[in-house]
């Protein structure tokens, strides 16, 4: 199985767990004299099986990411960490731009004038650069995921 397939199965497993969790909570109690549409005990067993399956996928994915090289120097896990930081930097930069450009409206010359303290154009260039780097790196990660066998 390829790493990308395992990532898809992990996602499906997480969705299944959420569905089962909601079902379990819904059938945990009924009106006196009624029976639930499904047995909470059976749902709970299926939920535990799904948790075990999810645990195995996560462990195998983490092992693969930690051991397989992405390039000459970095593992997949190293690159994923870098990608996570890239998106945080991008989000901060775009929030800074939004904050700096929201200077409010003045209705008269007597009101206090609010000015931006940053060069918005330069920060926008930085945000664009970060977004491009993120997209390109994410594409390379996806390509790698389809070429690597799950350990």
C-alpha atoms as a PDB file:
ATOM      1  CA  UNK A   1       0.000   0.000   0.000  1.00  0.00           C
ATOM      2  CA  UNK A   2       1.237   3.463  -0.874  1.00  0.00           C
ATOM      3  CA  UNK A   3       1.517   6.182   1.761  1.00  0.00           C
ATOM      4  CA  UNK A   4      -1.151   8.247  -0.016  1.00  0.00           C
ATOM      5  CA  UNK A   5      -3.598   5.332   0.149  1.00  0.00           C
ATOM      6  CA  UNK A   6      -2.968   4.983   3.875  1.00  0.00           C
ATOM      7  CA  UNK A   7      -3.607   8.706   4.344  1.00  0.00           C
ATOM      8  CA  UNK A   8      -6.937   8.357   2.531  1.00  0.00           C
ATOM      9  CA  UNK A   9      -7.860   5.316   4.619  1.00  0.00           C
ATOM     10  CA  UNK A  10      -6.889   7.167   7.787  1.00  0.00           C
ATOM     11  CA  UNK A  11      -9.228   9.995   6.804  1.00  0.00           C
ATOM     12  CA  UNK A  12     -12.034   7.546   6.069  1.00  0.00           C
ATOM     13  CA  UNK A  13     -11.428   5.879   9.407  1.00  0.00           C
ATOM     14  CA  UNK A  14     -11.662   9.230  11.196  1.00  0.00           C
ATOM     15  CA  UNK A  15     -14.952   9.998   9.431  1.00  0.00           C
ATOM     16  CA  UNK A  16     -16.320   6.549  10.323  1.00  0.00           C
ATOM     17  CA  UNK A  17     -15.393   7.082  13.980  1.00  0.00           C
ATOM     18  CA  UNK A  18     -17.248  10.389  14.018  1.00  0.00           C
ATOM     19  CA  UNK A  19     -20.385   8.788  12.522  1.00  0.00           C
ATOM     20  CA  UNK A  20     -20.242   5.935  15.029  1.00  0.00           C
ATOM     21  CA  UNK A  21     -19.641   8.337  17.920  1.00  0.00           C
ATOM     22  CA  UNK A  22     -22.722  10.364  17.022  1.00  0.00           C
ATOM     23  CA  UNK A  23     -24.783   7.204  16.601  1.00  0.00           C
ATOM     24  CA  UNK A  24     -23.617   5.829  19.949  1.00  0.00           C
ATOM     25  CA  UNK A  25     -24.550   9.030  21.760  1.00  0.00           C
ATOM     26  CA  UNK A  26     -27.918   9.166  20.006  1.00  0.00           C
ATOM     27  CA  UNK A  27     -28.817   5.589  21.008  1.00  0.00           C
ATOM     28  CA  UNK A  28     -27.402   5.782  24.536  1.00  0.00           C
ATOM     29  CA  UNK A  29     -30.861   6.525  25.920  1.00  0.00           C
ATOM     30  CA  UNK A  30     -34.432   6.012  24.821  1.00  0.00           C
ATOM     31  CA  UNK A  31     -37.880   6.680  26.151  1.00  0.00           C
ATOM     32  CA  UNK A  32     -39.144   4.057  28.571  1.00  0.00           C
ATOM     33  CA  UNK A  33     -40.665   1.131  26.682  1.00  0.00           C
ATOM     34  CA  UNK A  34     -38.759   1.896  23.448  1.00  0.00           C
ATOM     35  CA  UNK A  35     -35.696   0.165  22.066  1.00  0.00           C
ATOM     36  CA  UNK A  36     -32.891   1.913  20.183  1.00  0.00           C
ATOM     37  CA  UNK A  37     -32.702   1.291  16.426  1.00  0.00           C
ATOM     38  CA  UNK A  38     -29.256  -0.221  16.967  1.00  0.00           C
ATOM     39  CA  UNK A  39     -27.553  -1.751  19.972  1.00  0.00           C
ATOM     40  CA  UNK A  40     -25.229   0.729  21.701  1.00  0.00           C
ATOM     41  CA  UNK A  41     -23.054  -2.229  22.732  1.00  0.00           C
ATOM     42  CA  UNK A  42     -22.616  -3.281  19.077  1.00  0.00           C
ATOM     43  CA  UNK A  43     -21.881   0.299  18.048  1.00  0.00           C
ATOM     44  CA  UNK A  44     -19.349   0.619  20.875  1.00  0.00           C
ATOM     45  CA  UNK A  45     -17.599  -2.574  19.747  1.00  0.00           C
ATOM     46  CA  UNK A  46     -17.476  -1.330  16.158  1.00  0.00           C
ATOM     47  CA  UNK A  47     -16.168   2.009  17.410  1.00  0.00           C
ATOM     48  CA  UNK A  48     -13.367   0.299  19.317  1.00  0.00           C
ATOM     49  CA  UNK A  49     -12.452  -1.723  16.212  1.00  0.00           C
ATOM     50  CA  UNK A  50     -12.343   1.512  14.224  1.00  0.00           C
ATOM     51  CA  UNK A  51     -10.122   3.147  16.865  1.00  0.00           C
ATOM     52  CA  UNK A  52      -7.727   0.190  16.672  1.00  0.00           C
ATOM     53  CA  UNK A  53      -7.637   0.454  12.867  1.00  0.00           C
ATOM     54  CA  UNK A  54      -7.011   4.211  13.092  1.00  0.00           C
ATOM     55  CA  UNK A  55      -4.204   3.676  15.600  1.00  0.00           C
ATOM     56  CA  UNK A  56      -2.502   1.243  13.243  1.00  0.00           C
ATOM     57  CA  UNK A  57      -2.771   3.626  10.300  1.00  0.00           C
ATOM     58  CA  UNK A  58      -1.391   6.530  12.336  1.00  0.00           C
ATOM     59  CA  UNK A  59       1.512   4.462  13.648  1.00  0.00           C
ATOM     60  CA  UNK A  60       2.449   3.170  10.197  1.00  0.00           C
ATOM     61  CA  UNK A  61       2.106   6.609   8.589  1.00  0.00           C
ATOM     62  CA  UNK A  62       4.243   8.205  11.315  1.00  0.00           C
ATOM     63  CA  UNK A  63       6.887   5.472  10.991  1.00  0.00           C
ATOM     64  CA  UNK A  64       6.992   5.946   7.216  1.00  0.00           C
ATOM     65  CA  UNK A  65       7.202   9.741   7.497  1.00  0.00           C
ATOM     66  CA  UNK A  66       9.988   9.503  10.081  1.00  0.00           C
ATOM     67  CA  UNK A  67      12.112   6.980   8.193  1.00  0.00           C
ATOM     68  CA  UNK A  68      11.673   7.696   4.476  1.00  0.00           C
ATOM     69  CA  UNK A  69      13.819  10.422   2.947  1.00  0.00           C
ATOM     70  CA  UNK A  70      12.032  13.174   1.058  1.00  0.00           C
ATOM     71  CA  UNK A  71      15.232  14.433  -0.532  1.00  0.00           C
ATOM     72  CA  UNK A  72      18.965  14.016   0.117  1.00  0.00           C
ATOM     73  CA  UNK A  73      18.851  15.420   3.652  1.00  0.00           C
ATOM     74  CA  UNK A  74      15.286  15.564   4.990  1.00  0.00           C
ATOM     75  CA  UNK A  75      12.719  12.952   5.921  1.00  0.00           C
ATOM     76  CA  UNK A  76       9.073  13.328   4.986  1.00  0.00           C
ATOM     77  CA  UNK A  77       8.389  14.274   8.633  1.00  0.00           C
ATOM     78  CA  UNK A  78      10.954  17.083   8.402  1.00  0.00           C
ATOM     79  CA  UNK A  79       9.280  18.471   5.295  1.00  0.00           C
ATOM     80  CA  UNK A  80       5.804  18.192   6.846  1.00  0.00           C
ATOM     81  CA  UNK A  81       7.012  20.203   9.840  1.00  0.00           C
ATOM     82  CA  UNK A  82       8.462  22.853   7.523  1.00  0.00           C
ATOM     83  CA  UNK A  83       5.185  22.974   5.535  1.00  0.00           C
ATOM     84  CA  UNK A  84       3.208  23.432   8.764  1.00  0.00           C
ATOM     85  CA  UNK A  85       5.402  26.391   9.733  1.00  0.00           C
ATOM     86  CA  UNK A  86       5.051  27.872   6.235  1.00  0.00           C
ATOM     87  CA  UNK A  87       1.259  27.981   6.521  1.00  0.00           C
ATOM     88  CA  UNK A  88       1.514  29.568   9.967  1.00  0.00           C
ATOM     89  CA  UNK A  89       3.826  32.267   8.618  1.00  0.00           C
ATOM     90  CA  UNK A  90       1.476  32.853   5.686  1.00  0.00           C
ATOM     91  CA  UNK A  91      -1.562  33.129   7.976  1.00  0.00           C
ATOM     92  CA  UNK A  92       0.228  35.598  10.251  1.00  0.00           C
ATOM     93  CA  UNK A  93       1.380  37.700   7.304  1.00  0.00           C
ATOM     94  CA  UNK A  94      -2.100  37.895   5.775  1.00  0.00           C
ATOM     95  CA  UNK A  95      -3.641  38.793   9.145  1.00  0.00           C
ATOM     96  CA  UNK A  96      -1.021  41.527   9.554  1.00  0.00           C
ATOM     97  CA  UNK A  97      -1.887  42.888   6.101  1.00  0.00           C
ATOM     98  CA  UNK A  98      -5.600  42.839   6.947  1.00  0.00           C
ATOM     99  CA  UNK A  99      -4.967  44.619  10.224  1.00  0.00           C
ATOM    100  CA  UNK A 100      -2.746  47.256   8.610  1.00  0.00           C
ATOM    101  CA  UNK A 101      -5.231  48.003   5.845  1.00  0.00           C
ATOM    102  CA  UNK A 102      -8.245  48.269   8.152  1.00  0.00           C
ATOM    103  CA  UNK A 103      -7.685  51.898   9.093  1.00  0.00           C
ATOM    104  CA  UNK A 104     -11.344  52.812   9.469  1.00  0.00           C
ATOM    105  CA  UNK A 105     -13.291  55.707   8.038  1.00  0.00           C
ATOM    106  CA  UNK A 106     -12.989  59.331   9.066  1.00  0.00           C
ATOM    107  CA  UNK A 107     -16.130  61.378   8.911  1.00  0.00           C
ATOM    108  CA  UNK A 108     -14.502  64.691   9.645  1.00  0.00           C
ATOM    109  CA  UNK A 109     -11.014  66.180   9.947  1.00  0.00           C
ATOM    110  CA  UNK A 110     -11.468  66.328  13.720  1.00  0.00           C
ATOM    111  CA  UNK A 111     -11.392  62.559  14.069  1.00  0.00           C
ATOM    112  CA  UNK A 112      -8.091  60.843  14.739  1.00  0.00           C
ATOM    113  CA  UNK A 113      -6.383  59.582  11.622  1.00  0.00           C
ATOM    114  CA  UNK A 114      -5.166  55.968  11.744  1.00  0.00           C
ATOM    115  CA  UNK A 115      -2.079  55.080   9.683  1.00  0.00           C
ATOM    116  CA  UNK A 116      -0.479  51.790   8.778  1.00  0.00           C
ATOM    117  CA  UNK A 117       2.987  51.230  10.266  1.00  0.00           C
ATOM    118  CA  UNK A 118       4.089  48.628   7.721  1.00  0.00           C
ATOM    119  CA  UNK A 119       4.777  48.557   4.006  1.00  0.00           C
ATOM    120  CA  UNK A 120       1.693  46.592   2.975  1.00  0.00           C
ATOM    121  CA  UNK A 121       2.980  46.072  -0.559  1.00  0.00           C
ATOM    122  CA  UNK A 122       6.157  44.378   0.699  1.00  0.00           C
ATOM    123  CA  UNK A 123       4.238  42.203   3.144  1.00  0.00           C
ATOM    124  CA  UNK A 124       1.845  41.219   0.341  1.00  0.00           C
ATOM    125  CA  UNK A 125       4.836  40.154  -1.769  1.00  0.00           C
ATOM    126  CA  UNK A 126       6.036  38.065   1.183  1.00  0.00           C
ATOM    127  CA  UNK A 127       2.595  36.490   1.606  1.00  0.00           C
ATOM    128  CA  UNK A 128       2.481  35.652  -2.103  1.00  0.00           C
ATOM    129  CA  UNK A 129       5.957  34.115  -1.893  1.00  0.00           C
ATOM    130  CA  UNK A 130       4.972  32.012   1.132  1.00  0.00           C
ATOM    131  CA  UNK A 131       1.765  30.854  -0.558  1.00  0.00           C
ATOM    132  CA  UNK A 132       3.645  29.828  -3.695  1.00  0.00           C
ATOM    133  CA  UNK A 133       6.296  27.963  -1.710  1.00  0.00           C
ATOM    134  CA  UNK A 134       3.562  26.185   0.281  1.00  0.00           C
ATOM    135  CA  UNK A 135       1.677  25.123  -2.868  1.00  0.00           C
ATOM    136  CA  UNK A 136       4.807  23.864  -4.599  1.00  0.00           C
ATOM    137  CA  UNK A 137       5.999  21.969  -1.518  1.00  0.00           C
ATOM    138  CA  UNK A 138       2.555  20.486  -0.925  1.00  0.00           C
ATOM    139  CA  UNK A 139       2.489  19.224  -4.521  1.00  0.00           C
ATOM    140  CA  UNK A 140       5.894  17.566  -4.079  1.00  0.00           C
ATOM    141  CA  UNK A 141       4.682  15.966  -0.835  1.00  0.00           C
ATOM    142  CA  UNK A 142       1.610  14.588  -2.620  1.00  0.00           C
ATOM    143  CA  UNK A 143       3.823  13.180  -5.380  1.00  0.00           C
ATOM    144  CA  UNK A 144       6.073  11.556  -2.804  1.00  0.00           C
ATOM    145  CA  UNK A 145       3.078  10.071  -0.966  1.00  0.00           C
ATOM    146  CA  UNK A 146       2.040   8.234  -4.146  1.00  0.00           C
ATOM    147  CA  UNK A 147       5.539   6.864  -4.746  1.00  0.00           C
ATOM    148  CA  UNK A 148       6.392   5.649  -1.223  1.00  0.00           C
ATOM    149  CA  UNK A 149       5.299   2.300   0.170  1.00  0.00           C
ATOM    150  CA  UNK A 150       3.819   2.340   3.647  1.00  0.00           C
ATOM    151  CA  UNK A 151       6.165   0.744   6.189  1.00  0.00           C
END
